[in-house]
């Protein structure tokens, strides 16, 4: 099965085929799942969501390990940077599109 032709103006065109392959998001999701499983607290500890609930016992309210805290921080930082880059690159295109089309067309 052949891939679609690369659109013009793509940044980093050498990575286009890699990121358009169906295996890439699957591998990223699997890596994320394994990392969370490895870094999360094990027996006797609960997740942050459960620990903050009113029904959690005081003994269950434990802190995440340093590795999990660092993983969550780095993950959120990467998502923040990605969102900023996406907004920066999409905003001019959105303005241009809204100048010539309606919101429904956009």
C-alpha atoms as a PDB file:
ATOM      1  CA  UNK A   1       0.000   0.000   0.000  1.00  0.00           C
ATOM      2  CA  UNK A   2       1.491   3.317  -1.056  1.00  0.00           C
ATOM      3  CA  UNK A   3       1.417   6.353   1.198  1.00  0.00           C
ATOM      4  CA  UNK A   4      -0.248   9.575   0.147  1.00  0.00           C
ATOM      5  CA  UNK A   5       1.946  12.208  -1.471  1.00  0.00           C
ATOM      6  CA  UNK A   6       3.570  14.600   0.974  1.00  0.00           C
ATOM      7  CA  UNK A   7       1.827  17.986   1.184  1.00  0.00           C
ATOM      8  CA  UNK A   8       3.904  21.058   0.360  1.00  0.00           C
ATOM      9  CA  UNK A   9       5.374  23.104   3.175  1.00  0.00           C
ATOM     10  CA  UNK A  10       5.686  20.310   5.745  1.00  0.00           C
ATOM     11  CA  UNK A  11       8.380  21.089   8.339  1.00  0.00           C
ATOM     12  CA  UNK A  12      10.968  18.307   8.671  1.00  0.00           C
ATOM     13  CA  UNK A  13       9.883  16.412   5.543  1.00  0.00           C
ATOM     14  CA  UNK A  14      12.432  13.661   6.248  1.00  0.00           C
ATOM     15  CA  UNK A  15      10.212  12.490   9.157  1.00  0.00           C
ATOM     16  CA  UNK A  16       6.899  12.632   7.258  1.00  0.00           C
ATOM     17  CA  UNK A  17       6.716   8.935   6.367  1.00  0.00           C
ATOM     18  CA  UNK A  18       7.718   7.915   9.902  1.00  0.00           C
ATOM     19  CA  UNK A  19       4.955   9.940  11.564  1.00  0.00           C
ATOM     20  CA  UNK A  20       2.332   8.996   8.979  1.00  0.00           C
ATOM     21  CA  UNK A  21       2.938   5.283   9.576  1.00  0.00           C
ATOM     22  CA  UNK A  22       0.213   3.641  11.690  1.00  0.00           C
ATOM     23  CA  UNK A  23       2.859   1.982  13.881  1.00  0.00           C
ATOM     24  CA  UNK A  24       4.193   5.292  15.241  1.00  0.00           C
ATOM     25  CA  UNK A  25       1.209   6.338  17.410  1.00  0.00           C
ATOM     26  CA  UNK A  26       0.761   2.722  18.498  1.00  0.00           C
ATOM     27  CA  UNK A  27       4.394   2.555  19.664  1.00  0.00           C
ATOM     28  CA  UNK A  28       4.092   5.906  21.469  1.00  0.00           C
ATOM     29  CA  UNK A  29       0.908   4.785  23.253  1.00  0.00           C
ATOM     30  CA  UNK A  30       2.487   1.459  24.240  1.00  0.00           C
ATOM     31  CA  UNK A  31       5.602   3.206  25.568  1.00  0.00           C
ATOM     32  CA  UNK A  32       3.449   5.616  27.579  1.00  0.00           C
ATOM     33  CA  UNK A  33       1.397   2.758  29.042  1.00  0.00           C
ATOM     34  CA  UNK A  34       4.488   0.795  30.059  1.00  0.00           C
ATOM     35  CA  UNK A  35       6.118   3.893  31.603  1.00  0.00           C
ATOM     36  CA  UNK A  36       3.045   4.691  33.684  1.00  0.00           C
ATOM     37  CA  UNK A  37       2.823   1.067  34.822  1.00  0.00           C
ATOM     38  CA  UNK A  38       6.482   1.033  35.844  1.00  0.00           C
ATOM     39  CA  UNK A  39       6.575   4.424  37.569  1.00  0.00           C
ATOM     40  CA  UNK A  40       3.206   4.344  39.367  1.00  0.00           C
ATOM     41  CA  UNK A  41       2.981   3.219  42.998  1.00  0.00           C
ATOM     42  CA  UNK A  42       2.538  -0.500  43.512  1.00  0.00           C
ATOM     43  CA  UNK A  43       0.818  -2.446  46.292  1.00  0.00           C
ATOM     44  CA  UNK A  44      -0.736  -0.447  49.107  1.00  0.00           C
ATOM     45  CA  UNK A  45      -0.712   2.866  47.312  1.00  0.00           C
ATOM     46  CA  UNK A  46      -3.431   4.457  45.254  1.00  0.00           C
ATOM     47  CA  UNK A  47      -3.432   6.901  42.391  1.00  0.00           C
ATOM     48  CA  UNK A  48      -3.555  10.644  42.972  1.00  0.00           C
ATOM     49  CA  UNK A  49      -7.209  10.770  41.904  1.00  0.00           C
ATOM     50  CA  UNK A  50      -8.285   8.185  44.476  1.00  0.00           C
ATOM     51  CA  UNK A  51      -6.026   9.634  47.173  1.00  0.00           C
ATOM     52  CA  UNK A  52      -7.707  13.032  46.873  1.00  0.00           C
ATOM     53  CA  UNK A  53     -11.208  11.618  47.261  1.00  0.00           C
ATOM     54  CA  UNK A  54     -13.018  12.071  50.554  1.00  0.00           C
ATOM     55  CA  UNK A  55     -13.304   8.294  51.022  1.00  0.00           C
ATOM     56  CA  UNK A  56      -9.566   7.594  50.946  1.00  0.00           C
ATOM     57  CA  UNK A  57      -8.084   6.347  54.191  1.00  0.00           C
ATOM     58  CA  UNK A  58      -5.192   8.384  55.646  1.00  0.00           C
ATOM     59  CA  UNK A  59      -2.829   5.434  55.136  1.00  0.00           C
ATOM     60  CA  UNK A  60      -3.699   5.381  51.428  1.00  0.00           C
ATOM     61  CA  UNK A  61      -2.842   9.046  50.899  1.00  0.00           C
ATOM     62  CA  UNK A  62       0.731   8.632  49.746  1.00  0.00           C
ATOM     63  CA  UNK A  63       2.910  10.620  47.436  1.00  0.00           C
ATOM     64  CA  UNK A  64       4.000   9.346  44.054  1.00  0.00           C
ATOM     65  CA  UNK A  65       7.604   8.334  43.688  1.00  0.00           C
ATOM     66  CA  UNK A  66      10.196  10.733  42.322  1.00  0.00           C
ATOM     67  CA  UNK A  67      10.349   8.854  39.005  1.00  0.00           C
ATOM     68  CA  UNK A  68       6.585   9.145  38.457  1.00  0.00           C
ATOM     69  CA  UNK A  69       6.580  12.828  39.415  1.00  0.00           C
ATOM     70  CA  UNK A  70       9.441  13.521  36.992  1.00  0.00           C
ATOM     71  CA  UNK A  71       7.711  11.498  34.258  1.00  0.00           C
ATOM     72  CA  UNK A  72       4.451  13.418  34.677  1.00  0.00           C
ATOM     73  CA  UNK A  73       6.312  16.752  34.674  1.00  0.00           C
ATOM     74  CA  UNK A  74       8.267  15.951  31.494  1.00  0.00           C
ATOM     75  CA  UNK A  75       5.144  14.558  29.799  1.00  0.00           C
ATOM     76  CA  UNK A  76       3.154  17.698  30.590  1.00  0.00           C
ATOM     77  CA  UNK A  77       6.023  19.942  29.521  1.00  0.00           C
ATOM     78  CA  UNK A  78       6.246  18.177  26.150  1.00  0.00           C
ATOM     79  CA  UNK A  79       2.472  18.490  25.672  1.00  0.00           C
ATOM     80  CA  UNK A  80       2.640  22.192  26.576  1.00  0.00           C
ATOM     81  CA  UNK A  81       5.434  22.877  24.078  1.00  0.00           C
ATOM     82  CA  UNK A  82       3.633  20.853  21.391  1.00  0.00           C
ATOM     83  CA  UNK A  83       0.402  22.787  21.980  1.00  0.00           C
ATOM     84  CA  UNK A  84       2.232  26.107  21.742  1.00  0.00           C
ATOM     85  CA  UNK A  85       3.939  25.127  18.482  1.00  0.00           C
ATOM     86  CA  UNK A  86       0.647  23.873  17.053  1.00  0.00           C
ATOM     87  CA  UNK A  87      -1.130  27.109  17.970  1.00  0.00           C
ATOM     88  CA  UNK A  88       1.713  29.233  16.575  1.00  0.00           C
ATOM     89  CA  UNK A  89       1.608  27.410  13.242  1.00  0.00           C
ATOM     90  CA  UNK A  90      -2.186  27.082  12.946  1.00  0.00           C
ATOM     91  CA  UNK A  91      -3.263  30.584  13.988  1.00  0.00           C
ATOM     92  CA  UNK A  92      -2.237  32.347  10.720  1.00  0.00           C
ATOM     93  CA  UNK A  93      -3.950  29.629   8.676  1.00  0.00           C
ATOM     94  CA  UNK A  94      -7.121  29.991  10.753  1.00  0.00           C
ATOM     95  CA  UNK A  95      -7.166  33.785  10.288  1.00  0.00           C
ATOM     96  CA  UNK A  96      -6.624  33.394   6.541  1.00  0.00           C
ATOM     97  CA  UNK A  97      -9.389  30.782   6.348  1.00  0.00           C
ATOM     98  CA  UNK A  98     -11.885  32.871   8.316  1.00  0.00           C
ATOM     99  CA  UNK A  99     -11.213  35.867   6.057  1.00  0.00           C
ATOM    100  CA  UNK A 100     -12.514  33.990   3.031  1.00  0.00           C
ATOM    101  CA  UNK A 101     -14.866  31.397   4.569  1.00  0.00           C
ATOM    102  CA  UNK A 102     -17.585  31.183   7.190  1.00  0.00           C
ATOM    103  CA  UNK A 103     -17.156  29.369  10.482  1.00  0.00           C
ATOM    104  CA  UNK A 104     -19.260  26.519   9.083  1.00  0.00           C
ATOM    105  CA  UNK A 105     -16.943  26.184   6.060  1.00  0.00           C
ATOM    106  CA  UNK A 106     -13.846  26.267   8.235  1.00  0.00           C
END
